Structure formats: structure tokens, C-alpha cells
N, C-alpha and C. Protein backbone atom coordinates (compact mmCIF):
# COMPACT_ATOMS: atom_id res chain seq x y z
N GLY A 1 34.57 138.40 37.69
CA GLY A 1 33.86 138.42 36.33
C GLY A 1 33.12 137.30 35.89
N THR A 2 31.84 137.49 36.17
CA THR A 2 31.09 136.99 35.75
C THR A 2 30.28 137.92 34.64
N GLU A 3 29.60 137.00 33.64
CA GLU A 3 28.32 137.69 32.81
C GLU A 3 26.98 136.82 32.63
N GLN A 4 27.17 136.03 34.23
CA GLN A 4 25.80 135.42 34.28
C GLN A 4 24.63 136.71 34.60
N ASP A 5 24.33 137.21 35.61
CA ASP A 5 23.17 138.19 35.29
C ASP A 5 22.66 138.64 34.17
N ASP A 6 24.05 139.45 33.20
CA ASP A 6 23.80 139.78 32.01
C ASP A 6 23.39 138.89 30.66
N ASN A 7 23.82 137.49 30.87
CA ASN A 7 23.20 136.37 30.14
C ASN A 7 21.46 136.08 30.66
N GLY A 8 20.96 136.69 31.53
CA GLY A 8 19.93 136.26 32.07
C GLY A 8 19.50 134.98 32.77
N TYR A 9 20.61 134.96 33.47
CA TYR A 9 20.70 134.00 34.51
C TYR A 9 21.03 134.00 35.92
N LEU A 10 20.04 133.88 36.54
CA LEU A 10 20.19 134.42 38.52
C LEU A 10 20.22 133.43 39.39
N VAL A 11 21.16 134.13 40.44
CA VAL A 11 20.99 133.40 41.26
C VAL A 11 19.91 132.68 42.27
N SER A 12 19.83 131.12 43.01
CA SER A 12 19.42 130.44 43.51
C SER A 12 17.93 129.85 42.28
N ASN A 13 17.94 130.54 40.94
CA ASN A 13 16.92 129.96 40.12
C ASN A 13 17.42 128.33 39.68
N ILE A 14 16.87 127.43 39.53
CA ILE A 14 16.81 126.34 38.69
C ILE A 14 16.80 126.56 37.17
N TYR A 15 17.74 125.80 36.43
CA TYR A 15 17.85 125.92 34.86
C TYR A 15 18.08 124.71 34.53
N TRP A 16 17.58 124.10 33.30
CA TRP A 16 17.20 122.70 32.38
C TRP A 16 18.27 122.94 31.50
N PHE A 17 19.14 122.18 30.78
CA PHE A 17 19.33 122.35 30.01
C PHE A 17 19.65 120.77 28.50
N LYS A 18 19.88 120.87 27.57
CA LYS A 18 19.37 119.90 27.16
C LYS A 18 20.92 118.95 26.57
N TYR A 19 20.76 117.72 26.71
CA TYR A 19 21.94 117.38 26.17
C TYR A 19 22.30 117.75 24.76
N GLU A 20 23.36 117.54 23.99
CA GLU A 20 23.85 117.22 22.62
C GLU A 20 24.94 116.81 22.14
N LEU A 21 24.71 116.41 20.99
CA LEU A 21 26.39 115.75 20.37
C LEU A 21 27.32 117.51 20.32
N ILE A 22 28.44 117.39 20.64
CA ILE A 22 28.82 118.44 20.27
C ILE A 22 29.94 117.99 18.77
N SER A 23 29.74 119.33 18.66
CA SER A 23 30.26 118.98 16.97
C SER A 23 31.63 119.96 16.97
N TRP A 24 32.16 119.72 15.84
CA TRP A 24 34.05 118.87 16.06
C TRP A 24 34.03 119.38 14.11
N THR A 25 35.35 120.59 14.65
CA THR A 25 35.96 121.04 12.90
C THR A 25 37.41 119.65 12.92
N ILE A 26 37.73 119.11 11.93
CA ILE A 26 39.05 118.79 11.72
C ILE A 26 39.84 119.55 11.44
N LEU A 27 40.87 120.28 11.92
CA LEU A 27 41.83 120.80 11.53
C LEU A 27 42.68 120.23 10.29
N GLU A 28 43.41 119.13 11.07
CA GLU A 28 44.27 118.23 10.22
C GLU A 28 44.55 116.49 10.25
N GLU A 29 44.75 116.43 8.96
CA GLU A 29 44.44 114.43 9.17
C GLU A 29 45.35 114.01 8.82
N LYS A 30 46.62 113.31 9.84
CA LYS A 30 47.92 112.73 9.41
C LYS A 30 47.96 111.17 10.32
N GLY A 31 49.03 110.34 9.69
CA GLY A 31 49.02 109.10 9.92
C GLY A 31 47.52 108.58 10.60
N GLY A 32 46.73 108.66 10.07
CA GLY A 32 45.50 107.98 10.07
C GLY A 32 44.77 108.26 11.52
N ASN A 33 44.73 109.78 12.10
CA ASN A 33 44.94 110.48 13.01
C ASN A 33 44.22 111.54 12.85
N ALA A 34 43.53 112.05 13.51
CA ALA A 34 43.00 113.51 13.51
C ALA A 34 42.76 114.75 14.50
N PHE A 35 42.92 115.76 14.13
CA PHE A 35 42.76 117.24 14.72
C PHE A 35 41.66 117.77 15.22
N LEU A 36 41.14 117.62 15.87
CA LEU A 36 39.76 117.64 16.21
C LEU A 36 39.63 119.12 17.13
N LEU A 37 38.22 120.23 16.97
CA LEU A 37 38.30 121.65 17.54
C LEU A 37 37.01 121.85 17.73
N CYS A 38 36.80 122.05 19.01
CA CYS A 38 35.27 122.25 19.09
C CYS A 38 34.34 123.38 18.47
N ASP A 39 33.86 123.12 17.96
CA ASP A 39 32.29 124.39 17.29
C ASP A 39 32.31 125.12 17.74
N MET A 40 32.34 125.04 19.26
CA MET A 40 31.18 126.22 20.24
C MET A 40 32.25 126.41 21.57
N ILE A 41 32.23 127.16 22.60
CA ILE A 41 32.35 127.48 23.09
C ILE A 41 31.59 126.98 24.33
N ILE A 42 32.15 125.78 24.52
CA ILE A 42 30.94 124.92 25.51
C ILE A 42 30.32 124.87 27.10
N ASP A 43 31.75 125.51 27.75
CA ASP A 43 31.60 126.43 29.15
C ASP A 43 33.01 127.39 29.54
N SER A 44 32.67 127.81 30.65
CA SER A 44 33.11 128.66 31.17
C SER A 44 33.81 128.20 32.46
N GLN A 45 35.22 128.84 32.39
CA GLN A 45 36.25 127.83 33.29
C GLN A 45 37.03 128.92 33.77
N GLN A 46 37.87 129.48 34.89
CA GLN A 46 39.11 130.41 34.69
C GLN A 46 40.20 129.05 34.09
N PHE A 47 41.08 130.69 33.89
CA PHE A 47 41.96 129.54 34.02
C PHE A 47 43.18 128.88 34.95
N ASP A 48 42.92 129.69 35.82
CA ASP A 48 43.56 129.21 37.25
C ASP A 48 43.27 130.18 38.08
N TYR A 49 42.73 129.17 39.64
CA TYR A 49 42.10 130.70 40.23
C TYR A 49 42.32 131.71 40.84
N GLU A 50 43.83 131.81 40.89
CA GLU A 50 44.19 133.30 41.74
C GLU A 50 45.59 133.61 40.36
N ASP A 51 44.93 135.31 40.27
CA ASP A 51 46.29 135.67 39.77
C ASP A 51 47.60 135.21 40.24
N GLY A 52 48.74 135.22 39.93
CA GLY A 52 49.93 135.65 40.26
C GLY A 52 50.99 135.59 39.41
N GLU A 53 52.36 135.53 40.17
CA GLU A 53 53.28 135.35 39.40
C GLU A 53 53.57 134.48 38.10
N TYR A 54 53.19 133.31 38.00
CA TYR A 54 53.38 132.77 37.25
C TYR A 54 52.31 131.92 37.14
N SER A 55 51.01 132.17 37.39
CA SER A 55 49.42 131.94 36.71
C SER A 55 48.79 131.53 36.06
N ASN A 56 49.46 131.75 35.03
CA ASN A 56 49.47 131.97 33.76
C ASN A 56 49.92 129.84 32.53
N ASN A 57 50.81 129.75 33.83
CA ASN A 57 51.69 128.27 33.61
C ASN A 57 51.10 127.37 33.23
N TYR A 58 50.57 126.86 32.13
CA TYR A 58 49.34 126.31 31.30
C TYR A 58 49.88 124.08 31.94
N ALA A 59 51.13 123.79 32.07
CA ALA A 59 50.92 122.60 33.40
C ALA A 59 50.51 122.61 34.33
N GLU A 60 50.52 123.47 34.90
CA GLU A 60 50.69 123.59 36.37
C GLU A 60 48.86 124.00 36.62
N SER A 61 47.75 124.70 35.50
CA SER A 61 46.86 125.26 35.49
C SER A 61 45.37 124.51 35.89
N ILE A 62 44.60 124.80 36.39
CA ILE A 62 42.98 124.46 36.99
C ILE A 62 42.43 124.15 35.45
N ILE A 63 42.61 125.21 34.56
CA ILE A 63 42.06 124.34 32.95
C ILE A 63 42.32 123.21 32.91
N ARG A 64 43.74 122.74 32.40
CA ARG A 64 43.66 121.81 32.35
C ARG A 64 43.45 120.01 33.42
N ARG A 65 43.30 120.63 34.14
CA ARG A 65 43.04 119.53 34.76
C ARG A 65 41.51 119.37 34.75
N TRP A 66 40.93 120.66 34.49
CA TRP A 66 39.90 120.13 34.14
C TRP A 66 39.06 119.68 32.90
N LEU A 67 40.18 119.86 31.55
CA LEU A 67 39.72 119.54 30.81
C LEU A 67 40.54 117.78 30.68
N ASN A 68 40.67 117.80 30.96
CA ASN A 68 41.56 116.37 31.49
C ASN A 68 40.73 115.23 32.40
N ASP A 69 39.57 115.75 33.08
CA ASP A 69 39.50 115.46 34.17
C ASP A 69 37.69 115.33 33.92
N THR A 70 37.65 116.33 34.52
CA THR A 70 35.55 116.95 34.64
C THR A 70 35.65 117.17 33.14
N PHE A 71 35.55 117.65 32.24
CA PHE A 71 35.29 117.22 30.90
C PHE A 71 35.67 116.13 30.19
N TYR A 72 36.62 116.09 30.44
CA TYR A 72 37.13 114.11 29.86
C TYR A 72 36.19 113.11 30.04
N ASN A 73 35.46 113.34 31.43
CA ASN A 73 35.06 112.01 31.47
C ASN A 73 33.26 111.95 31.48
N THR A 74 33.13 113.35 31.87
CA THR A 74 31.85 113.72 31.26
C THR A 74 31.33 113.48 29.89
N ALA A 75 31.98 114.01 28.33
CA ALA A 75 32.06 114.20 27.32
C ALA A 75 31.85 112.85 26.34
N PHE A 76 33.17 111.97 26.97
CA PHE A 76 33.19 110.51 26.45
C PHE A 76 32.29 109.53 27.12
N ASN A 77 31.36 108.72 26.03
CA ASN A 77 31.88 107.20 26.45
C ASN A 77 33.35 106.44 26.68
N GLN A 78 33.43 105.55 26.89
CA GLN A 78 34.03 104.54 26.57
C GLN A 78 34.98 103.99 25.47
N TYR A 79 34.39 103.71 24.61
CA TYR A 79 34.70 103.58 23.79
C TYR A 79 35.01 104.75 23.04
N GLU A 80 34.52 106.48 22.85
CA GLU A 80 35.34 107.39 22.59
C GLU A 80 36.53 107.84 22.82
N LYS A 81 36.83 107.09 24.42
CA LYS A 81 37.44 107.58 24.81
C LYS A 81 38.93 106.63 24.49
N GLU A 82 38.78 105.67 23.89
CA GLU A 82 39.54 104.61 23.29
C GLU A 82 40.25 105.48 22.10
N ILE A 83 39.62 106.00 21.57
CA ILE A 83 39.95 106.89 20.56
C ILE A 83 40.72 107.67 20.99
N VAL A 84 40.30 108.36 21.53
CA VAL A 84 41.11 110.04 22.01
C VAL A 84 42.63 109.57 22.47
N GLN A 85 43.61 110.26 21.40
CA GLN A 85 45.03 109.78 21.90
C GLN A 85 45.55 110.52 22.43
N THR A 86 46.41 110.16 23.64
CA THR A 86 47.76 111.23 24.41
C THR A 86 48.29 111.65 23.63
N THR A 87 48.38 112.65 23.50
CA THR A 87 49.38 113.59 22.50
C THR A 87 50.48 114.87 23.39
N THR A 88 51.68 114.69 22.98
CA THR A 88 52.39 115.72 23.88
C THR A 88 52.37 117.11 22.78
N VAL A 89 51.66 117.64 23.92
CA VAL A 89 51.34 119.40 23.31
C VAL A 89 52.55 120.62 23.91
N ASP A 90 53.03 120.88 22.64
CA ASP A 90 53.76 122.11 22.82
C ASP A 90 53.58 123.05 23.45
N ASN A 91 54.48 123.43 24.54
CA ASN A 91 53.91 124.49 25.17
C ASN A 91 54.94 125.68 25.25
N SER A 92 56.55 124.95 24.24
CA SER A 92 57.08 125.79 23.96
C SER A 92 56.79 127.34 23.24
N VAL A 93 58.26 128.32 23.47
CA VAL A 93 58.14 129.64 24.21
C VAL A 93 57.64 129.83 21.92
N GLU A 94 58.30 128.96 21.25
CA GLU A 94 58.00 129.35 19.75
C GLU A 94 56.86 128.98 19.70
N SER A 95 55.77 128.44 20.17
CA SER A 95 54.49 128.13 20.36
C SER A 95 53.46 129.10 20.72
N THR A 96 54.29 129.52 21.68
CA THR A 96 53.27 131.26 22.35
C THR A 96 53.47 132.69 21.30
N GLY A 97 54.18 132.48 20.24
CA GLY A 97 54.61 133.23 19.52
C GLY A 97 55.06 134.33 19.53
N TYR A 98 56.26 134.35 20.83
CA TYR A 98 57.26 135.25 20.76
C TYR A 98 58.66 134.36 21.00
N GLU A 99 59.32 135.58 20.43
CA GLU A 99 61.48 135.21 20.12
C GLU A 99 61.45 134.75 22.01
N SER A 100 61.52 135.11 22.93
CA SER A 100 61.48 134.91 24.20
C SER A 100 59.83 135.04 25.23
N ASN A 101 60.14 134.29 26.22
CA ASN A 101 58.85 134.05 27.18
C ASN A 101 59.58 133.53 28.07
N PRO A 102 59.31 134.47 28.98
CA PRO A 102 60.02 133.81 30.08
C PRO A 102 58.92 132.90 31.39
N TYR A 103 57.88 132.84 30.77
CA TYR A 103 56.50 132.12 30.70
C TYR A 103 56.01 130.78 30.15
N ALA A 104 57.17 130.55 29.38
CA ALA A 104 56.78 129.18 28.56
C ALA A 104 56.80 127.79 30.06
N CYS A 105 56.36 126.83 29.60
CA CYS A 105 56.43 125.67 30.35
C CYS A 105 56.74 124.62 29.60
N GLU A 106 56.72 123.70 30.55
CA GLU A 106 57.33 122.59 29.70
C GLU A 106 56.40 121.71 28.84
N ASP A 107 56.31 121.00 28.00
CA ASP A 107 55.31 120.55 27.06
C ASP A 107 54.72 119.35 27.77
N THR A 108 53.53 119.54 27.42
CA THR A 108 52.56 118.86 28.67
C THR A 108 52.18 117.27 27.75
N GLU A 109 51.70 115.81 28.18
CA GLU A 109 51.03 114.84 27.42
C GLU A 109 49.49 114.88 28.18
N ASP A 110 48.69 115.45 27.40
CA ASP A 110 47.14 115.56 27.53
C ASP A 110 46.24 114.42 26.49
N LYS A 111 45.03 114.83 26.66
CA LYS A 111 43.95 113.60 25.98
C LYS A 111 43.12 115.09 25.31
N VAL A 112 42.86 115.92 26.45
CA VAL A 112 42.54 117.34 25.83
C VAL A 112 42.89 118.59 25.80
N PHE A 113 42.94 119.41 25.45
CA PHE A 113 43.62 120.81 25.20
C PHE A 113 43.06 121.80 24.98
N LEU A 114 44.17 122.91 24.69
CA LEU A 114 43.62 124.49 24.58
C LEU A 114 44.63 124.58 23.68
N LEU A 115 44.34 125.44 22.65
CA LEU A 115 45.07 125.74 21.06
C LEU A 115 45.71 126.50 21.91
N SER A 116 47.19 126.52 20.63
CA SER A 116 48.33 127.45 21.52
C SER A 116 48.39 128.86 20.39
N TYR A 117 48.69 129.25 21.02
CA TYR A 117 48.92 131.34 19.78
C TYR A 117 48.80 130.53 18.49
N LYS A 118 50.19 130.00 18.35
CA LYS A 118 51.16 129.84 16.69
C LYS A 118 49.98 128.38 16.07
N GLU A 119 49.01 127.78 17.15
CA GLU A 119 47.62 126.67 16.05
C GLU A 119 46.80 128.09 15.96
N ALA A 120 46.41 128.91 17.02
CA ALA A 120 45.57 129.60 16.49
C ALA A 120 45.59 130.73 15.24
N THR A 121 47.04 130.54 14.91
CA THR A 121 47.38 131.44 13.54
C THR A 121 47.71 130.84 12.64
N SER A 122 48.06 128.89 12.87
CA SER A 122 47.93 128.77 11.29
C SER A 122 47.09 127.65 11.25
N TYR A 123 47.02 126.63 10.93
CA TYR A 123 45.93 125.79 10.04
C TYR A 123 45.06 126.32 9.30
N CYS A 124 43.99 126.38 9.56
CA CYS A 124 42.90 127.15 8.50
C CYS A 124 42.42 128.26 8.94
N PHE A 125 42.99 128.74 9.98
CA PHE A 125 42.98 130.67 10.41
C PHE A 125 44.03 131.42 9.80
N ALA A 126 43.21 132.66 9.61
CA ALA A 126 44.30 133.68 8.87
C ALA A 126 45.97 133.31 9.95
N GLU A 127 46.75 134.46 9.36
CA GLU A 127 47.81 133.87 10.57
C GLU A 127 48.42 135.03 10.95
N ASP A 128 47.43 136.54 10.34
CA ASP A 128 48.03 137.77 10.88
C ASP A 128 46.40 137.93 12.64
N ASP A 129 47.31 138.00 13.66
CA ASP A 129 46.18 138.17 14.19
C ASP A 129 45.31 139.06 14.86
N SER A 130 45.26 140.05 14.14
CA SER A 130 44.61 141.07 14.74
C SER A 130 43.72 141.24 13.65
N GLU A 131 43.49 139.91 12.36
CA GLU A 131 42.33 140.09 11.27
C GLU A 131 41.00 139.47 12.16
N ASN A 132 39.78 140.11 11.64
CA ASN A 132 38.75 139.41 12.05
C ASN A 132 37.98 138.22 11.62
N ASP A 133 38.80 136.87 11.65
CA ASP A 133 39.17 135.47 10.69
C ASP A 133 37.72 134.84 11.86
N PRO A 134 36.51 134.52 10.58
CA PRO A 134 35.41 133.58 10.91
C PRO A 134 35.61 131.93 11.61
N ALA A 135 36.19 131.92 10.80
CA ALA A 135 36.93 130.73 11.75
C ALA A 135 37.21 130.30 12.98
N ARG A 136 37.32 130.94 13.21
CA ARG A 136 38.14 131.88 14.60
C ARG A 136 37.08 132.17 15.50
N GLN A 137 35.75 132.77 15.39
CA GLN A 137 34.84 133.21 15.53
C GLN A 137 33.82 132.35 16.52
N LYS A 138 33.61 132.05 17.63
CA LYS A 138 32.54 130.37 18.43
C LYS A 138 31.51 131.00 18.81
N LYS A 139 30.19 130.93 18.96
CA LYS A 139 29.37 131.13 20.26
C LYS A 139 29.04 130.54 20.94
N THR A 140 28.72 131.39 21.88
CA THR A 140 28.63 130.23 23.35
C THR A 140 27.16 129.52 23.37
N THR A 141 27.30 128.36 24.14
CA THR A 141 26.77 127.59 24.13
C THR A 141 25.61 128.30 25.85
N ASP A 142 24.19 127.74 25.49
CA ASP A 142 23.26 128.20 26.54
C ASP A 142 23.91 127.88 28.31
N TYR A 143 24.87 127.07 28.13
CA TYR A 143 25.57 126.38 29.40
C TYR A 143 26.11 126.94 29.75
N ALA A 144 26.93 127.73 29.05
CA ALA A 144 28.53 128.72 28.72
C ALA A 144 27.83 129.75 29.40
N GLN A 145 26.41 129.79 28.48
CA GLN A 145 26.33 131.59 28.94
C GLN A 145 26.07 131.31 30.77
N SER A 146 25.92 130.56 31.03
CA SER A 146 24.62 130.50 32.39
C SER A 146 25.94 130.42 33.33
N GLN A 147 27.54 129.81 32.75
CA GLN A 147 28.68 129.66 34.29
C GLN A 147 29.05 131.19 33.74
N GLY A 148 28.74 132.00 33.14
CA GLY A 148 29.11 133.08 32.91
C GLY A 148 30.58 134.03 31.64
N ALA A 149 30.11 132.96 30.60
CA ALA A 149 31.33 133.16 29.23
C ALA A 149 30.33 134.59 29.15
N TYR A 150 31.37 135.69 28.55
CA TYR A 150 30.76 136.72 28.37
C TYR A 150 29.80 136.52 26.90
N THR A 151 29.45 137.22 25.87
CA THR A 151 28.08 137.01 24.95
C THR A 151 27.85 138.09 24.08
N TYR A 152 28.33 138.29 23.43
CA TYR A 152 28.93 139.67 22.46
C TYR A 152 27.05 140.15 21.87
N SER A 153 26.17 141.12 22.45
CA SER A 153 25.12 141.54 22.27
C SER A 153 24.72 142.69 21.40
N ASP A 154 26.38 143.65 21.27
CA ASP A 154 26.54 144.96 20.93
C ASP A 154 25.36 144.83 19.37
N SER A 155 26.14 146.33 18.56
CA SER A 155 25.21 146.30 17.54
C SER A 155 25.46 145.61 15.86
N THR A 156 27.06 144.53 15.90
CA THR A 156 27.30 144.39 14.88
C THR A 156 27.05 142.80 14.63
N GLU A 157 25.39 142.66 13.83
CA GLU A 157 25.05 141.22 13.98
C GLU A 157 25.64 140.39 13.14
N GLU A 158 26.30 141.00 12.49
CA GLU A 158 27.63 139.67 12.64
C GLU A 158 28.65 139.09 13.61
N TYR A 159 28.57 139.35 14.59
CA TYR A 159 28.57 138.47 16.02
C TYR A 159 28.15 138.25 16.91
N LEU A 160 26.69 138.61 16.77
CA LEU A 160 25.81 138.20 17.77
C LEU A 160 25.69 137.15 18.32
N GLY A 161 26.01 136.85 19.40
CA GLY A 161 26.24 135.10 20.20
C GLY A 161 28.03 135.34 19.95
N ASN A 162 28.53 135.55 19.94
CA ASN A 162 30.10 134.73 19.49
C ASN A 162 30.60 135.38 20.76
N GLY A 163 31.80 134.53 21.46
CA GLY A 163 32.21 134.60 23.11
C GLY A 163 33.60 135.08 23.06
N LEU A 164 34.33 135.27 24.21
CA LEU A 164 35.96 134.92 24.18
C LEU A 164 36.42 133.36 24.33
N TRP A 165 37.41 133.08 24.32
CA TRP A 165 37.88 131.62 24.33
C TRP A 165 39.17 131.64 24.73
N TRP A 166 39.86 131.04 25.50
CA TRP A 166 41.10 131.10 26.18
C TRP A 166 41.68 129.68 25.42
N LEU A 167 42.89 130.75 24.67
CA LEU A 167 44.13 130.19 24.02
C LEU A 167 45.56 129.13 25.46
N ARG A 168 45.90 128.60 25.46
CA ARG A 168 47.34 128.07 26.86
C ARG A 168 48.10 128.56 26.57
N SER A 169 48.51 129.74 25.65
CA SER A 169 49.58 130.55 25.61
C SER A 169 49.89 131.29 26.78
N PRO A 170 50.85 132.00 27.18
CA PRO A 170 51.23 132.67 28.05
C PRO A 170 51.28 133.95 27.22
N ILE A 171 50.91 135.39 27.64
CA ILE A 171 51.60 136.61 27.35
C ILE A 171 53.35 137.12 28.12
N ASN A 172 54.17 137.52 27.29
CA ASN A 172 55.97 137.20 27.29
C ASN A 172 56.00 138.42 28.74
N ASP A 173 54.90 139.28 29.19
CA ASP A 173 55.21 140.53 29.73
C ASP A 173 54.04 140.79 30.99
N GLY A 174 54.18 139.07 31.82
CA GLY A 174 53.28 140.11 32.63
C GLY A 174 52.70 137.98 33.26
N GLY A 175 52.62 137.88 34.72
CA GLY A 175 52.16 135.99 34.81
C GLY A 175 50.90 136.25 35.33
N ASN A 176 50.08 136.46 34.91
CA ASN A 176 48.74 136.75 34.56
C ASN A 176 48.11 137.30 33.80
N HIS A 177 48.41 136.68 32.41
CA HIS A 177 47.79 136.69 31.29
C HIS A 177 47.99 136.12 30.26
N VAL A 178 46.74 135.10 29.47
CA VAL A 178 46.90 134.46 28.47
C VAL A 178 46.67 135.16 27.74
N ASN A 179 47.00 134.47 26.12
CA ASN A 179 46.23 134.76 24.93
C ASN A 179 44.86 134.73 25.17
N GLU A 180 44.67 134.84 24.17
CA GLU A 180 42.42 134.78 23.91
C GLU A 180 42.32 135.12 22.57
N VAL A 181 41.22 134.67 22.19
CA VAL A 181 40.68 134.79 21.01
C VAL A 181 39.28 135.61 21.37
N VAL A 182 38.85 136.48 20.73
CA VAL A 182 37.59 137.41 20.91
C VAL A 182 36.39 137.86 19.90
N TRP A 183 35.38 137.83 20.31
CA TRP A 183 34.30 137.56 19.36
C TRP A 183 33.95 137.86 17.66
N SER A 184 35.08 138.86 17.35
CA SER A 184 35.56 138.97 15.83
C SER A 184 36.24 137.79 15.72
N GLY A 185 37.08 137.39 16.21
CA GLY A 185 37.93 136.19 15.51
C GLY A 185 39.43 136.67 15.83
N GLN A 186 39.30 137.89 16.26
CA GLN A 186 41.13 138.09 15.95
C GLN A 186 41.87 137.36 17.48
N THR A 187 43.16 137.30 17.25
CA THR A 187 43.47 136.71 18.51
C THR A 187 44.63 137.58 19.18
N PHE A 188 44.01 138.04 20.50
CA PHE A 188 44.77 138.74 20.96
C PHE A 188 46.05 138.96 21.84
N HIS A 189 47.04 139.68 21.78
CA HIS A 189 48.44 138.85 22.29
C HIS A 189 48.89 139.90 23.60
N PHE A 190 47.38 140.40 24.10
CA PHE A 190 47.69 141.50 25.02
C PHE A 190 47.45 141.03 26.20
N GLY A 191 46.87 139.60 26.47
CA GLY A 191 46.10 139.54 27.87
C GLY A 191 44.99 140.54 27.88
N TYR A 192 44.01 140.01 27.31
CA TYR A 192 42.75 141.00 27.91
C TYR A 192 42.16 140.80 28.81
N LEU A 193 41.98 139.39 29.87
CA LEU A 193 41.73 139.30 30.74
C LEU A 193 42.82 138.55 31.88
N VAL A 194 42.58 138.75 32.66
CA VAL A 194 43.09 137.65 33.62
C VAL A 194 43.17 136.35 33.79
N VAL A 195 43.25 135.52 34.40
CA VAL A 195 43.73 133.90 34.52
C VAL A 195 42.00 133.78 35.70
N ASP A 196 42.08 134.60 36.37
CA ASP A 196 40.82 133.88 37.19
C ASP A 196 39.93 134.62 36.79
N ASP A 197 39.25 135.33 35.89
CA ASP A 197 38.42 135.67 35.12
C ASP A 197 37.66 134.28 34.67
N THR A 198 36.35 134.38 34.75
CA THR A 198 35.29 133.85 34.47
C THR A 198 34.13 133.60 33.04
N ARG A 199 35.00 135.04 32.69
CA ARG A 199 34.58 134.94 31.46
C ARG A 199 34.44 134.68 29.66
N LEU A 200 35.34 134.20 30.01
CA LEU A 200 36.25 133.55 28.79
C LEU A 200 35.93 132.16 28.97
N GLY A 201 35.44 131.77 27.45
CA GLY A 201 35.03 130.22 27.62
C GLY A 201 36.03 128.96 26.97
N VAL A 202 35.78 127.72 27.06
CA VAL A 202 36.92 126.86 27.27
C VAL A 202 36.48 126.37 25.27
N VAL A 203 37.10 125.98 24.82
CA VAL A 203 37.39 125.86 23.20
C VAL A 203 37.81 124.28 23.32
N PRO A 204 37.45 122.76 23.27
CA PRO A 204 38.81 121.48 23.72
C PRO A 204 38.96 121.75 22.14
N ALA A 205 40.24 121.00 22.25
CA ALA A 205 40.89 120.47 21.43
C ALA A 205 41.48 119.16 21.58
N LEU A 206 41.57 117.73 20.01
CA LEU A 206 42.45 116.94 20.88
C LEU A 206 42.83 115.90 19.72
N TRP A 207 43.59 115.45 19.60
CA TRP A 207 43.16 114.30 18.65
C TRP A 207 42.67 112.65 18.87
N ILE A 208 42.00 112.19 17.68
CA ILE A 208 41.59 111.20 17.83
C ILE A 208 42.44 109.91 16.80
N GLN A 209 42.06 108.72 17.11
CA GLN A 209 42.80 107.66 15.60
C GLN A 209 41.18 107.39 15.23
N LEU A 210 41.25 107.70 13.22
CA LEU A 210 40.19 107.76 12.93
C LEU A 210 40.02 105.72 12.60
């Protein structure tokens, strides 16, 4: 699943992109540290390469490795890396928004991570996951569009340019579905697309030392 051609990017063509500073929103400040969430969908990545019985396991996912290797080493200089904190990322059943979830995995130690379902329905966000929350609406960058990220282009003007983005929390009734946020800002709790789909984009989160 990819939206590359629908977004105007064609195979065998060469495209150039301007590097710009990444913009972040502060979700929380605590103990001299700040919890940051990227303001845009900056890339399009699969959660995992193939759908399978436990391919929605965040600890073992391709997207986790990409965030903490490719993205981390591309996005930050040496000084910035020194202030990015290693975070114990909560992957418990509670973080997934269910009372039981056989696909919940162990906690992880990460520099960069995706939001959980619990985080995406708390902080400055609407607690009702069915609500069209502007705070959860994210635009896709040109680069993300070139990589296949879905970008809303239908008739509702307030959503134009918005995309879909991954959360890290697995759905509890299938091993190839993960929670996600759609163009309206709704947090879907039933897995709209499977883990190997590239139409969903990446919105990194991290803690830094102030």
C-alpha cells in the first residue's frame, strides 16, 4: 500500500527536498526534562515488514529500529544527541487502552519512540478517541508524500494535507494491526491498515534535557 503516484511522485524520476528544522510541541515538562512530539508526519515507514501473528510487537518492530538508528542519526547533531534522554517506554496492557491485550510487549529503552494509545488520548489531546481532535491532526511533509504517505485531498477543507500516523500500541484482536491516528484527529482503536502498509506516517516523540 503506497500513495506515491497519487501524491505526484513517479518511479524513475529524481526529486530534491529542502532540509528544514524539525518543529516540536512540548507535551510535558518534568524534572528539568521535556516530552516532545513532532509537529508533522515526517516520513512514511512500515511498522513491520510483513503482517503475521505477532508483527504488531513494538519491541521487535522495524519502525522502532528505524527511529533509534536511521532517524536518530540523521535528524540530530552531536550536541542534540547529548540532550536526548533514554526513556523507559511503557508498552503495558494499560498503555494500549485495553483491559487485556495478548499482543502487549515488554517495556523498551529508547531515544525516540511512537506515542502509545494512552499517550495519544491524554496530555493535551481529547480523551475520547472518536473525537475529531485538531491537536492530533498532522500534515504530511513533501518527503513523507514521496515515500507513500496518505495525504487527505477530499472535500473537507479543514483536513486538507493531513495524514495518517502510527501509534505503537497493538490492537488486542489481531497480530497485524496497530492503533493509529487519522486525518481528522481520531484515534482508531480497530486497526485501519496492517503493519506492512506504508500509507501511515511517522510522528516521532522523545524526552530531552532542558
